[in-house]
Amino acid sequence: ATWQLWWALALPLLLAVAAATAWRATRRPP
């Protein structure tokens, strides 16, 4: 249904935020 397509709009944002936060965490000194 049209309203169920909201996940397609949210997924790119989730991918970008998850990648940015994970990358930032990898750069922290141990």
PDB file of all heavy atoms in Angstrom:
ATOM      1  N   ALA A   1       0.848  -1.185   0.000  1.00  0.00           N
ATOM      2  CA  ALA A   1       0.000   0.000   0.000  1.00  0.00           C
ATOM      3  C   ALA A   1       0.890   1.243   0.000  1.00  0.00           C
ATOM      4  O   ALA A   1       2.054   1.200   0.427  1.00  0.00           O
ATOM      5  CB  ALA A   1      -0.916   0.004   1.219  1.00  0.00           C
ATOM      6  N   THR A   2       0.346   2.339  -0.456  1.00  0.00           N
ATOM      7  CA  THR A   2       1.153   3.562  -0.572  1.00  0.00           C
ATOM      8  C   THR A   2       1.758   3.962   0.771  1.00  0.00           C
ATOM      9  O   THR A   2       2.936   4.337   0.854  1.00  0.00           O
ATOM     10  CB  THR A   2       0.282   4.702  -1.126  1.00  0.00           C
ATOM     11  OG1 THR A   2      -0.247   4.303  -2.400  1.00  0.00           O
ATOM     12  CG2 THR A   2       1.110   5.966  -1.305  1.00  0.00           C
ATOM     13  N   TRP A   3       0.966   3.861   1.836  1.00  0.00           N
ATOM     14  CA  TRP A   3       1.480   4.287   3.139  1.00  0.00           C
ATOM     15  C   TRP A   3       2.576   3.365   3.645  1.00  0.00           C
ATOM     16  O   TRP A   3       3.420   3.776   4.453  1.00  0.00           O
ATOM     17  CB  TRP A   3       0.347   4.382   4.150  1.00  0.00           C
ATOM     18  CG  TRP A   3      -0.225   3.044   4.559  1.00  0.00           C
ATOM     19  CD1 TRP A   3      -1.261   2.396   3.980  1.00  0.00           C
ATOM     20  CD2 TRP A   3       0.221   2.212   5.641  1.00  0.00           C
ATOM     21  NE1 TRP A   3      -1.499   1.197   4.617  1.00  0.00           N
ATOM     22  CE2 TRP A   3      -0.602   1.067   5.648  1.00  0.00           C
ATOM     23  CE3 TRP A   3       1.234   2.323   6.596  1.00  0.00           C
ATOM     24  CZ2 TRP A   3      -0.446   0.042   6.571  1.00  0.00           C
ATOM     25  CZ3 TRP A   3       1.391   1.303   7.521  1.00  0.00           C
ATOM     26  CH2 TRP A   3       0.554   0.182   7.508  1.00  0.00           C
ATOM     27  N   GLN A   4       2.593   2.087   3.187  1.00  0.00           N
ATOM     28  CA  GLN A   4       3.626   1.157   3.633  1.00  0.00           C
ATOM     29  C   GLN A   4       4.979   1.422   2.982  1.00  0.00           C
ATOM     30  O   GLN A   4       5.987   0.855   3.402  1.00  0.00           O
ATOM     31  CB  GLN A   4       3.182  -0.279   3.326  1.00  0.00           C
ATOM     32  CG  GLN A   4       2.022  -0.748   4.205  1.00  0.00           C
ATOM     33  CD  GLN A   4       1.495  -2.106   3.780  1.00  0.00           C
ATOM     34  OE1 GLN A   4       1.336  -2.378   2.591  1.00  0.00           O
ATOM     35  NE2 GLN A   4       1.216  -2.956   4.746  1.00  0.00           N
ATOM     36  N   LEU A   5       4.994   2.299   1.987  1.00  0.00           N
ATOM     37  CA  LEU A   5       6.252   2.626   1.322  1.00  0.00           C
ATOM     38  C   LEU A   5       7.106   3.607   2.123  1.00  0.00           C
ATOM     39  O   LEU A   5       8.189   3.983   1.672  1.00  0.00           O
ATOM     40  CB  LEU A   5       5.971   3.209  -0.067  1.00  0.00           C
ATOM     41  CG  LEU A   5       5.255   2.285  -1.062  1.00  0.00           C
ATOM     42  CD1 LEU A   5       4.963   3.026  -2.353  1.00  0.00           C
ATOM     43  CD2 LEU A   5       6.080   1.034  -1.340  1.00  0.00           C
ATOM     44  N   TRP A   6       6.619   4.017   3.298  1.00  0.00           N
ATOM     45  CA  TRP A   6       7.379   4.992   4.094  1.00  0.00           C
ATOM     46  C   TRP A   6       8.774   4.458   4.440  1.00  0.00           C
ATOM     47  O   TRP A   6       9.724   5.229   4.575  1.00  0.00           O
ATOM     48  CB  TRP A   6       6.625   5.343   5.375  1.00  0.00           C
ATOM     49  CG  TRP A   6       6.601   4.241   6.400  1.00  0.00           C
ATOM     50  CD1 TRP A   6       5.659   3.279   6.547  1.00  0.00           C
ATOM     51  CD2 TRP A   6       7.587   3.985   7.422  1.00  0.00           C
ATOM     52  NE1 TRP A   6       5.976   2.427   7.584  1.00  0.00           N
ATOM     53  CE2 TRP A   6       7.156   2.847   8.137  1.00  0.00           C
ATOM     54  CE3 TRP A   6       8.779   4.607   7.787  1.00  0.00           C
ATOM     55  CZ2 TRP A   6       7.881   2.323   9.197  1.00  0.00           C
ATOM     56  CZ3 TRP A   6       9.511   4.076   8.851  1.00  0.00           C
ATOM     57  CH2 TRP A   6       9.054   2.956   9.544  1.00  0.00           C
ATOM     58  N   TRP A   7       8.891   3.127   4.560  1.00  0.00           N
ATOM     59  CA  TRP A   7      10.187   2.554   4.912  1.00  0.00           C
ATOM     60  C   TRP A   7      11.226   2.825   3.826  1.00  0.00           C
ATOM     61  O   TRP A   7      12.409   2.986   4.114  1.00  0.00           O
ATOM     62  CB  TRP A   7      10.046   1.050   5.144  1.00  0.00           C
ATOM     63  CG  TRP A   7      11.334   0.380   5.498  1.00  0.00           C
ATOM     64  CD1 TRP A   7      12.108  -0.390   4.699  1.00  0.00           C
ATOM     65  CD2 TRP A   7      12.024   0.443   6.763  1.00  0.00           C
ATOM     66  NE1 TRP A   7      13.230  -0.824   5.369  1.00  0.00           N
ATOM     67  CE2 TRP A   7      13.193  -0.341   6.636  1.00  0.00           C
ATOM     68  CE3 TRP A   7      11.758   1.054   7.977  1.00  0.00           C
ATOM     69  CZ2 TRP A   7      14.089  -0.502   7.685  1.00  0.00           C
ATOM     70  CZ3 TRP A   7      12.663   0.885   9.016  1.00  0.00           C
ATOM     71  CH2 TRP A   7      13.812   0.122   8.871  1.00  0.00           C
ATOM     72  N   ALA A   8      10.788   2.882   2.555  1.00  0.00           N
ATOM     73  CA  ALA A   8      11.713   3.179   1.466  1.00  0.00           C
ATOM     74  C   ALA A   8      12.302   4.578   1.603  1.00  0.00           C
ATOM     75  O   ALA A   8      13.439   4.826   1.186  1.00  0.00           O
ATOM     76  CB  ALA A   8      11.004   3.037   0.117  1.00  0.00           C
ATOM     77  N   LEU A   9      11.536   5.501   2.187  1.00  0.00           N
ATOM     78  CA  LEU A   9      12.043   6.854   2.409  1.00  0.00           C
ATOM     79  C   LEU A   9      12.933   6.929   3.651  1.00  0.00           C
ATOM     80  O   LEU A   9      13.880   7.713   3.703  1.00  0.00           O
ATOM     81  CB  LEU A   9      10.862   7.820   2.551  1.00  0.00           C
ATOM     82  CG  LEU A   9       9.871   7.840   1.374  1.00  0.00           C
ATOM     83  CD1 LEU A   9       8.724   8.803   1.675  1.00  0.00           C
ATOM     84  CD2 LEU A   9      10.571   8.213   0.082  1.00  0.00           C
ATOM     85  N   ALA A  10      12.615   6.113   4.646  1.00  0.00           N
ATOM     86  CA  ALA A  10      13.393   6.142   5.888  1.00  0.00           C
ATOM     87  C   ALA A  10      14.724   5.405   5.757  1.00  0.00           C
ATOM     88  O   ALA A  10      15.707   5.764   6.412  1.00  0.00           O
ATOM     89  CB  ALA A  10      12.574   5.529   7.026  1.00  0.00           C
ATOM     90  N   LEU A  11      14.763   4.357   4.916  1.00  0.00           N
ATOM     91  CA  LEU A  11      15.960   3.513   4.845  1.00  0.00           C
ATOM     92  C   LEU A  11      17.219   4.282   4.448  1.00  0.00           C
ATOM     93  O   LEU A  11      18.264   4.107   5.097  1.00  0.00           O
ATOM     94  CB  LEU A  11      15.719   2.341   3.893  1.00  0.00           C
ATOM     95  CG  LEU A  11      16.871   1.351   3.755  1.00  0.00           C
ATOM     96  CD1 LEU A  11      17.229   0.732   5.098  1.00  0.00           C
ATOM     97  CD2 LEU A  11      16.523   0.251   2.746  1.00  0.00           C
ATOM     98  N   PRO A  12      17.209   5.124   3.414  1.00  0.00           N
ATOM     99  CA  PRO A  12      18.448   5.860   3.097  1.00  0.00           C
ATOM    100  C   PRO A  12      18.946   6.714   4.257  1.00  0.00           C
ATOM    101  O   PRO A  12      20.162   6.799   4.495  1.00  0.00           O
ATOM    102  CB  PRO A  12      18.042   6.723   1.898  1.00  0.00           C
ATOM    103  CG  PRO A  12      16.881   6.017   1.289  1.00  0.00           C
ATOM    104  CD  PRO A  12      16.148   5.408   2.428  1.00  0.00           C
ATOM    105  N   LEU A  13      18.025   7.343   4.978  1.00  0.00           N
ATOM    106  CA  LEU A  13      18.426   8.141   6.136  1.00  0.00           C
ATOM    107  C   LEU A  13      19.030   7.265   7.222  1.00  0.00           C
ATOM    108  O   LEU A  13      20.061   7.611   7.822  1.00  0.00           O
ATOM    109  CB  LEU A  13      17.220   8.915   6.672  1.00  0.00           C
ATOM    110  CG  LEU A  13      17.472   9.802   7.885  1.00  0.00           C
ATOM    111  CD1 LEU A  13      18.488  10.892   7.545  1.00  0.00           C
ATOM    112  CD2 LEU A  13      16.165  10.435   8.368  1.00  0.00           C
ATOM    113  N   LEU A  14      18.415   6.105   7.470  1.00  0.00           N
ATOM    114  CA  LEU A  14      18.953   5.186   8.473  1.00  0.00           C
ATOM    115  C   LEU A  14      20.341   4.703   8.077  1.00  0.00           C
ATOM    116  O   LEU A  14      21.240   4.603   8.925  1.00  0.00           O
ATOM    117  CB  LEU A  14      18.010   3.996   8.641  1.00  0.00           C
ATOM    118  CG  LEU A  14      16.668   4.269   9.313  1.00  0.00           C
ATOM    119  CD1 LEU A  14      15.814   3.010   9.320  1.00  0.00           C
ATOM    120  CD2 LEU A  14      16.871   4.764  10.741  1.00  0.00           C
ATOM    121  N   LEU A  15      20.526   4.393   6.807  1.00  0.00           N
ATOM    122  CA  LEU A  15      21.843   3.941   6.342  1.00  0.00           C
ATOM    123  C   LEU A  15      22.895   5.029   6.534  1.00  0.00           C
ATOM    124  O   LEU A  15      24.013   4.745   6.999  1.00  0.00           O
ATOM    125  CB  LEU A  15      21.759   3.547   4.862  1.00  0.00           C
ATOM    126  CG  LEU A  15      20.997   2.264   4.534  1.00  0.00           C
ATOM    127  CD1 LEU A  15      20.777   2.149   3.028  1.00  0.00           C
ATOM    128  CD2 LEU A  15      21.750   1.045   5.049  1.00  0.00           C
ATOM    129  N   ALA A  16      22.543   6.275   6.208  1.00  0.00           N
ATOM    130  CA  ALA A  16      23.502   7.368   6.330  1.00  0.00           C
ATOM    131  C   ALA A  16      23.865   7.625   7.794  1.00  0.00           C
ATOM    132  O   ALA A  16      25.048   7.785   8.138  1.00  0.00           O
ATOM    133  CB  ALA A  16      22.929   8.631   5.690  1.00  0.00           C
ATOM    134  N   VAL A  17      22.858   7.669   8.671  1.00  0.00           N
ATOM    135  CA  VAL A  17      23.114   7.937  10.091  1.00  0.00           C
ATOM    136  C   VAL A  17      23.902   6.794  10.712  1.00  0.00           C
ATOM    137  O   VAL A  17      24.856   7.015  11.482  1.00  0.00           O
ATOM    138  CB  VAL A  17      21.787   8.162  10.833  1.00  0.00           C
ATOM    139  CG1 VAL A  17      22.019   8.248  12.339  1.00  0.00           C
ATOM    140  CG2 VAL A  17      21.106   9.424  10.322  1.00  0.00           C
ATOM    141  N   ALA A  18      23.520   5.546  10.389  1.00  0.00           N
ATOM    142  CA  ALA A  18      24.225   4.397  10.957  1.00  0.00           C
ATOM    143  C   ALA A  18      25.680   4.364  10.494  1.00  0.00           C
ATOM    144  O   ALA A  18      26.590   4.072  11.286  1.00  0.00           O
ATOM    145  CB  ALA A  18      23.515   3.109  10.562  1.00  0.00           C
ATOM    146  N   ALA A  19      25.912   4.681   9.221  1.00  0.00           N
ATOM    147  CA  ALA A  19      27.287   4.692   8.718  1.00  0.00           C
ATOM    148  C   ALA A  19      28.099   5.798   9.377  1.00  0.00           C
ATOM    149  O   ALA A  19      29.262   5.588   9.769  1.00  0.00           O
ATOM    150  CB  ALA A  19      27.273   4.871   7.198  1.00  0.00           C
ATOM    151  N   ALA A  20      27.512   6.979   9.529  1.00  0.00           N
ATOM    152  CA  ALA A  20      28.243   8.106  10.114  1.00  0.00           C
ATOM    153  C   ALA A  20      28.588   7.844  11.572  1.00  0.00           C
ATOM    154  O   ALA A  20      29.724   8.095  12.006  1.00  0.00           O
ATOM    155  CB  ALA A  20      27.407   9.379   9.985  1.00  0.00           C
ATOM    156  N   THR A  21      27.639   7.354  12.345  1.00  0.00           N
ATOM    157  CA  THR A  21      27.907   7.099  13.769  1.00  0.00           C
ATOM    158  C   THR A  21      28.912   5.968  13.950  1.00  0.00           C
ATOM    159  O   THR A  21      29.770   6.021  14.841  1.00  0.00           O
ATOM    160  CB  THR A  21      26.598   6.775  14.502  1.00  0.00           C
ATOM    161  OG1 THR A  21      25.936   5.679  13.844  1.00  0.00           O
ATOM    162  CG2 THR A  21      25.672   7.973  14.521  1.00  0.00           C
ATOM    163  N   ALA A  22      28.808   4.924  13.121  1.00  0.00           N
ATOM    164  CA  ALA A  22      29.767   3.825  13.233  1.00  0.00           C
ATOM    165  C   ALA A  22      31.171   4.284  12.845  1.00  0.00           C
ATOM    166  O   ALA A  22      32.158   3.938  13.508  1.00  0.00           O
ATOM    167  CB  ALA A  22      29.323   2.658  12.356  1.00  0.00           C
ATOM    168  N   TRP A  23      31.270   5.066  11.785  1.00  0.00           N
ATOM    169  CA  TRP A  23      32.577   5.569  11.364  1.00  0.00           C
ATOM    170  C   TRP A  23      33.189   6.453  12.443  1.00  0.00           C
ATOM    171  O   TRP A  23      34.401   6.357  12.728  1.00  0.00           O
ATOM    172  CB  TRP A  23      32.433   6.338  10.060  1.00  0.00           C
ATOM    173  CG  TRP A  23      33.692   7.049   9.641  1.00  0.00           C
ATOM    174  CD1 TRP A  23      33.952   8.383   9.726  1.00  0.00           C
ATOM    175  CD2 TRP A  23      34.870   6.448   9.101  1.00  0.00           C
ATOM    176  NE1 TRP A  23      35.204   8.668   9.270  1.00  0.00           N
ATOM    177  CE2 TRP A  23      35.808   7.491   8.874  1.00  0.00           C
ATOM    178  CE3 TRP A  23      35.234   5.149   8.789  1.00  0.00           C
ATOM    179  CZ2 TRP A  23      37.064   7.248   8.345  1.00  0.00           C
ATOM    180  CZ3 TRP A  23      36.496   4.909   8.263  1.00  0.00           C
ATOM    181  CH2 TRP A  23      37.389   5.957   8.044  1.00  0.00           C
ATOM    182  N   ARG A  24      32.371   7.295  13.036  1.00  0.00           N
ATOM    183  CA  ARG A  24      32.874   8.162  14.099  1.00  0.00           C
ATOM    184  C   ARG A  24      33.381   7.340  15.272  1.00  0.00           C
ATOM    185  O   ARG A  24      34.423   7.667  15.863  1.00  0.00           O
ATOM    186  CB  ARG A  24      31.766   9.107  14.547  1.00  0.00           C
ATOM    187  CG  ARG A  24      32.192  10.103  15.608  1.00  0.00           C
ATOM    188  CD  ARG A  24      31.038  11.006  15.984  1.00  0.00           C
ATOM    189  NE  ARG A  24      31.407  11.939  17.042  1.00  0.00           N
ATOM    190  CZ  ARG A  24      30.576  12.800  17.618  1.00  0.00           C
ATOM    191  NH1 ARG A  24      29.306  12.832  17.221  1.00  0.00           N
ATOM    192  NH2 ARG A  24      30.991  13.612  18.566  1.00  0.00           N
ATOM    193  N   ALA A  25      32.676   6.259  15.594  1.00  0.00           N
ATOM    194  CA  ALA A  25      33.105   5.418  16.719  1.00  0.00           C
ATOM    195  C   ALA A  25      34.412   4.694  16.405  1.00  0.00           C
ATOM    196  O   ALA A  25      35.227   4.463  17.306  1.00  0.00           O
ATOM    197  CB  ALA A  25      32.018   4.410  17.062  1.00  0.00           C
ATOM    198  N   THR A  26      34.633   4.333  15.153  1.00  0.00           N
ATOM    199  CA  THR A  26      35.888   3.654  14.811  1.00  0.00           C
ATOM    200  C   THR A  26      37.086   4.580  14.902  1.00  0.00           C
ATOM    201  O   THR A  26      38.220   4.118  15.058  1.00  0.00           O
ATOM    202  CB  THR A  26      35.820   3.073  13.380  1.00  0.00           C
ATOM    203  OG1 THR A  26      35.632   4.140  12.447  1.00  0.00           O
ATOM    204  CG2 THR A  26      34.705   2.058  13.252  1.00  0.00           C
ATOM    205  N   ARG A  27      36.846   5.899  14.811  1.00  0.00           N
ATOM    206  CA  ARG A  27      37.945   6.856  14.850  1.00  0.00           C
ATOM    207  C   ARG A  27      38.336   7.251  16.265  1.00  0.00           C
ATOM    208  O   ARG A  27      39.339   7.938  16.457  1.00  0.00           O
ATOM    209  CB  ARG A  27      37.586   8.135  14.063  1.00  0.00           C
ATOM    210  CG  ARG A  27      37.097   7.885  12.648  1.00  0.00           C
ATOM    211  CD  ARG A  27      38.050   6.997  11.876  1.00  0.00           C
ATOM    212  NE  ARG A  27      39.355   7.620  11.709  1.00  0.00           N
ATOM    213  CZ  ARG A  27      40.411   7.016  11.223  1.00  0.00           C
ATOM    214  NH1 ARG A  27      40.335   5.736  10.895  1.00  0.00           N
ATOM    215  NH2 ARG A  27      41.553   7.666  11.095  1.00  0.00           N
ATOM    216  N   ARG A  28      37.556   6.838  17.239  1.00  0.00           N
ATOM    217  CA  ARG A  28      37.905   7.169  18.615  1.00  0.00           C
ATOM    218  C   ARG A  28      39.136   6.375  19.047  1.00  0.00           C
ATOM    219  O   ARG A  28      39.273   5.205  18.710  1.00  0.00           O
ATOM    220  CB  ARG A  28      36.745   6.850  19.556  1.00  0.00           C
ATOM    221  CG  ARG A  28      35.521   7.735  19.350  1.00  0.00           C
ATOM    222  CD  ARG A  28      34.373   7.249  20.190  1.00  0.00           C
ATOM    223  NE  ARG A  28      33.164   8.010  19.921  1.00  0.00           N
ATOM    224  CZ  ARG A  28      31.950   7.644  20.308  1.00  0.00           C
ATOM    225  NH1 ARG A  28      31.794   6.505  20.976  1.00  0.00           N
ATOM    226  NH2 ARG A  28      30.907   8.383  20.018  1.00  0.00           N
ATOM    227  N   PRO A  29      40.017   6.981  19.825  1.00  0.00           N
ATOM    228  CA  PRO A  29      41.197   6.235  20.285  1.00  0.00           C
ATOM    229  C   PRO A  29      40.790   5.130  21.236  1.00  0.00           C
ATOM    230  O   PRO A  29      39.833   5.274  22.006  1.00  0.00           O
ATOM    231  CB  PRO A  29      42.028   7.306  21.006  1.00  0.00           C
ATOM    232  CG  PRO A  29      41.044   8.366  21.382  1.00  0.00           C
ATOM    233  CD  PRO A  29      40.010   8.384  20.300  1.00  0.00           C
ATOM    234  N   PRO A  30      41.451   3.989  21.169  1.00  0.00           N
ATOM    235  CA  PRO A  30      41.103   2.878  22.056  1.00  0.00           C
ATOM    236  C   PRO A  30      41.393   3.213  23.505  1.00  0.00           C
ATOM    237  O   PRO A  30      42.204   4.088  23.821  1.00  0.00           O
ATOM    238  CB  PRO A  30      41.992   1.732  21.561  1.00  0.00           C
ATOM    239  CG  PRO A  30      43.151   2.422  20.915  1.00  0.00           C
ATOM    240  CD  PRO A  30      42.600   3.690  20.316  1.00  0.00           C
TER     241      PRO A  30
END
